Amino acid sequence: MSFPTINLLAIIVAAIVHVIIGALWFNTPFLFRDAWLVGIGKTAEQVAAEFSPLKPFTALIGALLIGGLLVLVIGWSGASGPLQGVLIGVLVAVCFAAVTSGVKDLFEGRSAKLWFIHAGHDMVALALMGLIIGLWRG
């Protein structure tokens, strides 16, 4: 198996989009902020008080790692183009992120609604990351 070409710009852009999606998904009232807060048992004020610049930095590092993995998976699969990138992003989100978070949520006694919020974020964010990476491979 050959090592695919790594496009750092695609990874960086995809990672930034991932962080922006997360910020919007969990922090805006017209998306999922209120339901997410109920699911984690906190108020917006508590979350704001716990804010640290380390949190978005860590999210960016994680998104860069996810972007790097997507570049490898997309390259190894021979996929090219934005639609194939989206498909692989969604498959990675469902098979890795959604399943593992679902099992953890089940054992922690968290609600299915919270799992749908987390899994939905992962599917949207990774689909967009796959789209971006697929565009660069197209």
N, C-alpha and C. Protein backbone atom coordinates (compact mmCIF):
# COMPACT_ATOMS: atom_id res chain seq x y z
N MET A 1 0.86 -1.16 0.00
CA MET A 1 0.00 0.00 0.00
C MET A 1 0.91 1.23 0.00
N SER A 2 0.67 2.10 -0.96
CA SER A 2 1.49 3.31 -1.04
C SER A 2 0.90 4.40 -0.16
N PHE A 3 1.76 5.32 0.22
CA PHE A 3 1.34 6.43 1.07
C PHE A 3 0.78 7.54 0.20
N PRO A 4 -0.47 7.95 0.44
CA PRO A 4 -1.06 8.99 -0.41
C PRO A 4 -0.39 10.35 -0.20
N THR A 5 -0.55 11.20 -1.19
CA THR A 5 -0.04 12.56 -1.09
C THR A 5 -0.81 13.30 0.00
N ILE A 6 -0.08 13.97 0.85
CA ILE A 6 -0.69 14.73 1.94
C ILE A 6 -0.78 16.19 1.52
N ASN A 7 -1.99 16.72 1.50
CA ASN A 7 -2.21 18.12 1.17
C ASN A 7 -2.48 18.85 2.48
N LEU A 8 -1.44 19.50 3.02
CA LEU A 8 -1.57 20.16 4.32
C LEU A 8 -2.60 21.28 4.30
N LEU A 9 -2.70 22.00 3.20
CA LEU A 9 -3.67 23.09 3.13
C LEU A 9 -5.09 22.54 3.24
N ALA A 10 -5.37 21.42 2.57
CA ALA A 10 -6.69 20.80 2.66
C ALA A 10 -6.98 20.37 4.10
N ILE A 11 -6.00 19.80 4.77
CA ILE A 11 -6.17 19.37 6.17
C ILE A 11 -6.45 20.57 7.07
N ILE A 12 -5.69 21.64 6.90
CA ILE A 12 -5.85 22.83 7.73
C ILE A 12 -7.23 23.46 7.52
N VAL A 13 -7.62 23.62 6.27
CA VAL A 13 -8.94 24.22 5.98
C VAL A 13 -10.05 23.33 6.53
N ALA A 14 -9.95 22.03 6.32
CA ALA A 14 -10.96 21.10 6.83
C ALA A 14 -11.03 21.15 8.35
N ALA A 15 -9.88 21.24 9.01
CA ALA A 15 -9.85 21.30 10.47
C ALA A 15 -10.49 22.58 10.99
N ILE A 16 -10.22 23.69 10.34
CA ILE A 16 -10.83 24.96 10.75
C ILE A 16 -12.35 24.89 10.59
N VAL A 17 -12.81 24.31 9.49
CA VAL A 17 -14.25 24.15 9.28
C VAL A 17 -14.84 23.27 10.39
N HIS A 18 -14.16 22.21 10.75
CA HIS A 18 -14.62 21.32 11.83
C HIS A 18 -14.82 22.10 13.13
N VAL A 19 -13.86 22.92 13.48
CA VAL A 19 -13.95 23.70 14.73
C VAL A 19 -15.08 24.72 14.65
N ILE A 20 -15.24 25.35 13.51
CA ILE A 20 -16.33 26.33 13.34
C ILE A 20 -17.68 25.64 13.45
N ILE A 21 -17.83 24.47 12.83
CA ILE A 21 -19.08 23.71 12.93
C ILE A 21 -19.37 23.39 14.40
N GLY A 22 -18.37 22.95 15.12
CA GLY A 22 -18.56 22.64 16.54
C GLY A 22 -18.97 23.85 17.35
N ALA A 23 -18.32 24.99 17.09
CA ALA A 23 -18.65 26.22 17.81
C ALA A 23 -20.10 26.62 17.56
N LEU A 24 -20.53 26.52 16.31
CA LEU A 24 -21.91 26.86 15.98
C LEU A 24 -22.89 25.83 16.55
N TRP A 25 -22.58 24.56 16.38
CA TRP A 25 -23.45 23.46 16.76
C TRP A 25 -23.80 23.51 18.25
N PHE A 26 -22.78 23.74 19.08
CA PHE A 26 -22.95 23.64 20.52
C PHE A 26 -23.15 24.99 21.22
N ASN A 27 -23.00 26.09 20.51
CA ASN A 27 -23.05 27.40 21.17
C ASN A 27 -24.13 28.34 20.68
N THR A 28 -24.87 27.95 19.68
CA THR A 28 -25.90 28.87 19.18
C THR A 28 -27.29 28.32 19.50
N PRO A 29 -28.16 29.20 19.99
CA PRO A 29 -29.49 28.74 20.39
C PRO A 29 -30.35 28.23 19.23
N PHE A 30 -30.08 28.68 18.00
CA PHE A 30 -30.89 28.21 16.87
C PHE A 30 -30.43 26.85 16.36
N LEU A 31 -29.35 26.33 16.91
CA LEU A 31 -28.96 24.96 16.57
C LEU A 31 -29.22 24.07 17.80
N PHE A 32 -28.18 23.59 18.47
CA PHE A 32 -28.39 22.56 19.49
C PHE A 32 -27.90 22.95 20.88
N ARG A 33 -27.56 24.21 21.10
CA ARG A 33 -27.03 24.62 22.40
C ARG A 33 -27.93 24.23 23.56
N ASP A 34 -29.19 24.60 23.48
CA ASP A 34 -30.09 24.39 24.62
C ASP A 34 -30.29 22.90 24.91
N ALA A 35 -30.52 22.11 23.89
CA ALA A 35 -30.70 20.67 24.09
C ALA A 35 -29.41 20.02 24.59
N TRP A 36 -28.29 20.48 24.08
CA TRP A 36 -26.99 19.95 24.51
C TRP A 36 -26.75 20.27 25.98
N LEU A 37 -27.04 21.50 26.38
CA LEU A 37 -26.87 21.90 27.78
C LEU A 37 -27.72 21.04 28.71
N VAL A 38 -28.97 20.80 28.32
CA VAL A 38 -29.83 19.92 29.12
C VAL A 38 -29.21 18.53 29.20
N GLY A 39 -28.73 18.04 28.06
CA GLY A 39 -28.14 16.69 28.01
C GLY A 39 -26.91 16.53 28.88
N ILE A 40 -26.11 17.59 29.01
CA ILE A 40 -24.90 17.48 29.84
C ILE A 40 -25.15 17.98 31.26
N GLY A 41 -26.36 18.49 31.50
CA GLY A 41 -26.72 18.91 32.85
C GLY A 41 -26.03 20.18 33.32
N LYS A 42 -25.80 21.12 32.40
CA LYS A 42 -25.14 22.37 32.74
C LYS A 42 -25.91 23.54 32.16
N THR A 43 -25.60 24.71 32.67
CA THR A 43 -26.16 25.94 32.12
C THR A 43 -25.12 26.59 31.21
N ALA A 44 -25.58 27.53 30.40
CA ALA A 44 -24.65 28.27 29.54
C ALA A 44 -23.63 29.02 30.38
N GLU A 45 -24.06 29.50 31.53
CA GLU A 45 -23.15 30.23 32.42
C GLU A 45 -22.06 29.31 32.97
N GLN A 46 -22.42 28.09 33.31
CA GLN A 46 -21.42 27.14 33.80
C GLN A 46 -20.40 26.81 32.71
N VAL A 47 -20.89 26.58 31.51
CA VAL A 47 -19.99 26.28 30.40
C VAL A 47 -19.07 27.46 30.13
N ALA A 48 -19.62 28.68 30.16
CA ALA A 48 -18.81 29.88 29.93
C ALA A 48 -17.76 30.04 31.03
N ALA A 49 -18.13 29.74 32.27
CA ALA A 49 -17.19 29.87 33.39
C ALA A 49 -16.06 28.85 33.29
N GLU A 50 -16.33 27.72 32.66
CA GLU A 50 -15.32 26.66 32.51
C GLU A 50 -14.47 26.85 31.26
N PHE A 51 -14.74 27.91 30.49
CA PHE A 51 -14.01 28.11 29.23
C PHE A 51 -12.52 28.29 29.50
N SER A 52 -11.75 27.71 28.62
CA SER A 52 -10.29 27.87 28.63
C SER A 52 -9.84 27.91 27.18
N PRO A 53 -8.86 28.76 26.84
CA PRO A 53 -8.34 28.77 25.47
C PRO A 53 -7.77 27.41 25.06
N LEU A 54 -7.45 26.59 26.05
CA LEU A 54 -6.94 25.25 25.75
C LEU A 54 -8.00 24.39 25.07
N LYS A 55 -9.28 24.63 25.36
CA LYS A 55 -10.35 23.81 24.77
C LYS A 55 -10.45 23.97 23.26
N PRO A 56 -10.58 25.20 22.71
CA PRO A 56 -10.61 25.29 21.24
C PRO A 56 -9.29 24.88 20.59
N PHE A 57 -8.18 25.12 21.28
CA PHE A 57 -6.87 24.68 20.75
C PHE A 57 -6.84 23.16 20.64
N THR A 58 -7.33 22.49 21.69
CA THR A 58 -7.38 21.03 21.67
C THR A 58 -8.33 20.54 20.57
N ALA A 59 -9.45 21.24 20.40
CA ALA A 59 -10.39 20.88 19.33
C ALA A 59 -9.72 21.00 17.96
N LEU A 60 -8.93 22.04 17.78
CA LEU A 60 -8.22 22.22 16.51
C LEU A 60 -7.19 21.12 16.29
N ILE A 61 -6.44 20.77 17.32
CA ILE A 61 -5.46 19.69 17.18
C ILE A 61 -6.17 18.38 16.82
N GLY A 62 -7.27 18.09 17.51
CA GLY A 62 -8.04 16.89 17.19
C GLY A 62 -8.56 16.91 15.76
N ALA A 63 -9.05 18.07 15.33
CA ALA A 63 -9.57 18.19 13.96
C ALA A 63 -8.45 18.02 12.93
N LEU A 64 -7.25 18.50 13.24
CA LEU A 64 -6.11 18.29 12.33
C LEU A 64 -5.79 16.80 12.21
N LEU A 65 -5.85 16.08 13.33
CA LEU A 65 -5.62 14.63 13.29
C LEU A 65 -6.70 13.92 12.48
N ILE A 66 -7.95 14.32 12.67
CA ILE A 66 -9.04 13.74 11.89
C ILE A 66 -8.84 14.04 10.41
N GLY A 67 -8.48 15.27 10.09
CA GLY A 67 -8.22 15.64 8.70
C GLY A 67 -7.11 14.81 8.09
N GLY A 68 -6.04 14.59 8.86
CA GLY A 68 -4.95 13.75 8.38
C GLY A 68 -5.41 12.32 8.12
N LEU A 69 -6.23 11.79 9.02
CA LEU A 69 -6.77 10.45 8.82
C LEU A 69 -7.65 10.40 7.57
N LEU A 70 -8.50 11.42 7.40
CA LEU A 70 -9.37 11.43 6.21
C LEU A 70 -8.56 11.49 4.92
N VAL A 71 -7.49 12.27 4.91
CA VAL A 71 -6.63 12.31 3.72
C VAL A 71 -6.09 10.92 3.41
N LEU A 72 -5.65 10.21 4.45
CA LEU A 72 -5.12 8.87 4.23
C LEU A 72 -6.20 7.90 3.75
N VAL A 73 -7.35 7.91 4.41
CA VAL A 73 -8.43 6.99 4.04
C VAL A 73 -8.93 7.28 2.62
N ILE A 74 -9.12 8.55 2.32
CA ILE A 74 -9.57 8.92 0.98
C ILE A 74 -8.52 8.53 -0.06
N GLY A 75 -7.26 8.78 0.24
CA GLY A 75 -6.18 8.41 -0.69
C GLY A 75 -6.08 6.91 -0.88
N TRP A 76 -6.11 6.16 0.22
CA TRP A 76 -6.00 4.70 0.12
C TRP A 76 -7.20 4.08 -0.57
N SER A 77 -8.36 4.70 -0.46
CA SER A 77 -9.55 4.14 -1.10
C SER A 77 -9.55 4.39 -2.61
N GLY A 78 -8.71 5.32 -3.05
CA GLY A 78 -8.70 5.68 -4.47
C GLY A 78 -9.81 6.66 -4.82
N ALA A 79 -10.51 7.15 -3.81
CA ALA A 79 -11.61 8.09 -4.05
C ALA A 79 -11.05 9.42 -4.53
N SER A 80 -11.85 10.09 -5.32
CA SER A 80 -11.50 11.44 -5.73
C SER A 80 -12.78 12.21 -5.95
N GLY A 81 -12.71 13.48 -5.75
CA GLY A 81 -13.88 14.32 -5.95
C GLY A 81 -14.64 14.54 -4.66
N PRO A 82 -15.43 15.57 -4.65
CA PRO A 82 -16.12 15.97 -3.41
C PRO A 82 -17.17 14.96 -2.93
N LEU A 83 -17.92 14.34 -3.82
CA LEU A 83 -18.97 13.42 -3.36
C LEU A 83 -18.39 12.17 -2.71
N GLN A 84 -17.32 11.66 -3.27
CA GLN A 84 -16.68 10.50 -2.66
C GLN A 84 -16.03 10.89 -1.33
N GLY A 85 -15.52 12.11 -1.25
CA GLY A 85 -14.97 12.61 0.02
C GLY A 85 -16.04 12.70 1.09
N VAL A 86 -17.23 13.21 0.71
CA VAL A 86 -18.35 13.29 1.65
C VAL A 86 -18.73 11.90 2.13
N LEU A 87 -18.84 10.95 1.21
CA LEU A 87 -19.21 9.59 1.57
C LEU A 87 -18.23 8.99 2.58
N ILE A 88 -16.95 9.15 2.33
CA ILE A 88 -15.96 8.60 3.24
C ILE A 88 -16.01 9.33 4.59
N GLY A 89 -16.20 10.64 4.56
CA GLY A 89 -16.34 11.39 5.81
C GLY A 89 -17.50 10.90 6.64
N VAL A 90 -18.64 10.66 6.00
CA VAL A 90 -19.82 10.16 6.72
C VAL A 90 -19.58 8.74 7.24
N LEU A 91 -18.96 7.90 6.43
CA LEU A 91 -18.68 6.53 6.88
C LEU A 91 -17.76 6.52 8.09
N VAL A 92 -16.72 7.35 8.06
CA VAL A 92 -15.81 7.45 9.20
C VAL A 92 -16.56 7.96 10.43
N ALA A 93 -17.41 8.97 10.23
CA ALA A 93 -18.18 9.53 11.35
C ALA A 93 -19.10 8.49 11.96
N VAL A 94 -19.82 7.76 11.11
CA VAL A 94 -20.78 6.77 11.62
C VAL A 94 -20.05 5.60 12.26
N CYS A 95 -19.08 5.04 11.55
CA CYS A 95 -18.45 3.80 12.01
C CYS A 95 -17.49 4.00 13.18
N PHE A 96 -16.91 5.16 13.31
CA PHE A 96 -15.97 5.38 14.41
C PHE A 96 -16.57 6.30 15.47
N ALA A 97 -16.86 7.53 15.08
CA ALA A 97 -17.29 8.53 16.07
C ALA A 97 -18.65 8.21 16.66
N ALA A 98 -19.64 8.00 15.81
CA ALA A 98 -21.00 7.80 16.32
C ALA A 98 -21.14 6.50 17.11
N VAL A 99 -20.52 5.45 16.64
CA VAL A 99 -20.63 4.17 17.35
C VAL A 99 -19.92 4.25 18.70
N THR A 100 -18.71 4.77 18.72
CA THR A 100 -17.99 4.81 20.00
C THR A 100 -18.65 5.76 21.00
N SER A 101 -19.12 6.92 20.53
CA SER A 101 -19.79 7.82 21.47
C SER A 101 -21.13 7.24 21.91
N GLY A 102 -21.81 6.51 21.03
CA GLY A 102 -23.07 5.88 21.40
C GLY A 102 -22.90 4.83 22.48
N VAL A 103 -21.87 4.03 22.37
CA VAL A 103 -21.60 3.01 23.38
C VAL A 103 -21.27 3.68 24.72
N LYS A 104 -20.43 4.72 24.69
CA LYS A 104 -20.09 5.43 25.93
C LYS A 104 -21.32 6.07 26.54
N ASP A 105 -22.14 6.73 25.72
CA ASP A 105 -23.35 7.36 26.23
C ASP A 105 -24.29 6.33 26.85
N LEU A 106 -24.37 5.17 26.25
CA LEU A 106 -25.21 4.10 26.78
C LEU A 106 -24.74 3.68 28.17
N PHE A 107 -23.44 3.42 28.30
CA PHE A 107 -22.90 2.99 29.59
C PHE A 107 -22.94 4.09 30.64
N GLU A 108 -22.86 5.36 30.20
CA GLU A 108 -22.92 6.49 31.14
C GLU A 108 -24.35 6.89 31.47
N GLY A 109 -25.32 6.26 30.83
CA GLY A 109 -26.71 6.57 31.11
C GLY A 109 -27.17 7.89 30.52
N ARG A 110 -26.47 8.36 29.49
CA ARG A 110 -26.86 9.62 28.85
C ARG A 110 -28.02 9.37 27.89
N SER A 111 -28.71 10.43 27.59
CA SER A 111 -29.92 10.31 26.76
C SER A 111 -29.57 10.04 25.29
N ALA A 112 -30.51 9.41 24.61
CA ALA A 112 -30.36 9.20 23.17
C ALA A 112 -30.33 10.54 22.44
N LYS A 113 -31.05 11.52 22.98
CA LYS A 113 -31.07 12.85 22.36
C LYS A 113 -29.67 13.45 22.34
N LEU A 114 -28.93 13.31 23.44
CA LEU A 114 -27.56 13.82 23.50
C LEU A 114 -26.69 13.07 22.50
N TRP A 115 -26.88 11.77 22.37
CA TRP A 115 -26.11 11.01 21.39
C TRP A 115 -26.40 11.51 19.97
N PHE A 116 -27.68 11.77 19.66
CA PHE A 116 -28.01 12.28 18.33
C PHE A 116 -27.36 13.64 18.07
N ILE A 117 -27.27 14.47 19.10
CA ILE A 117 -26.61 15.78 18.95
C ILE A 117 -25.13 15.58 18.64
N HIS A 118 -24.47 14.71 19.42
CA HIS A 118 -23.04 14.45 19.19
C HIS A 118 -22.80 13.77 17.85
N ALA A 119 -23.57 12.73 17.57
CA ALA A 119 -23.38 11.99 16.32
C ALA A 119 -23.71 12.86 15.11
N GLY A 120 -24.74 13.68 15.23
CA GLY A 120 -25.08 14.59 14.14
C GLY A 120 -23.96 15.57 13.85
N HIS A 121 -23.36 16.09 14.92
CA HIS A 121 -22.22 16.99 14.74
C HIS A 121 -21.10 16.28 14.00
N ASP A 122 -20.78 15.08 14.45
CA ASP A 122 -19.68 14.34 13.82
C ASP A 122 -19.97 14.05 12.35
N MET A 123 -21.19 13.69 12.03
CA MET A 123 -21.53 13.39 10.64
C MET A 123 -21.45 14.63 9.76
N VAL A 124 -21.98 15.73 10.24
CA VAL A 124 -21.92 16.98 9.45
C VAL A 124 -20.48 17.45 9.31
N ALA A 125 -19.76 17.49 10.43
CA ALA A 125 -18.38 18.00 10.40
C ALA A 125 -17.48 17.13 9.52
N LEU A 126 -17.57 15.81 9.67
CA LEU A 126 -16.71 14.94 8.87
C LEU A 126 -17.14 14.88 7.41
N ALA A 127 -18.44 15.03 7.15
CA ALA A 127 -18.88 15.12 5.75
C ALA A 127 -18.29 16.36 5.09
N LEU A 128 -18.32 17.48 5.79
CA LEU A 128 -17.74 18.70 5.23
C LEU A 128 -16.22 18.59 5.09
N MET A 129 -15.58 17.95 6.06
CA MET A 129 -14.14 17.73 5.94
C MET A 129 -13.84 16.86 4.72
N GLY A 130 -14.62 15.79 4.54
CA GLY A 130 -14.44 14.93 3.38
C GLY A 130 -14.68 15.67 2.08
N LEU A 131 -15.68 16.54 2.07
CA LEU A 131 -15.96 17.38 0.89
C LEU A 131 -14.75 18.24 0.55
N ILE A 132 -14.20 18.90 1.53
CA ILE A 132 -13.04 19.78 1.31
C ILE A 132 -11.84 18.99 0.81
N ILE A 133 -11.56 17.88 1.47
CA ILE A 133 -10.41 17.07 1.06
C ILE A 133 -10.66 16.46 -0.32
N GLY A 134 -11.89 16.02 -0.57
CA GLY A 134 -12.24 15.48 -1.88
C GLY A 134 -12.11 16.50 -3.00
N LEU A 135 -12.47 17.76 -2.70
CA LEU A 135 -12.31 18.83 -3.70
C LEU A 135 -10.85 18.97 -4.10
N TRP A 136 -9.95 18.88 -3.12
CA TRP A 136 -8.52 19.02 -3.43
C TRP A 136 -7.99 17.81 -4.18
N ARG A 137 -8.63 16.65 -4.01
CA ARG A 137 -8.19 15.44 -4.72
C ARG A 137 -8.85 15.32 -6.08
N GLY A 138 -9.96 16.08 -6.29
CA GLY A 138 -10.73 15.97 -7.53
C GLY A 138 -9.97 16.43 -8.69
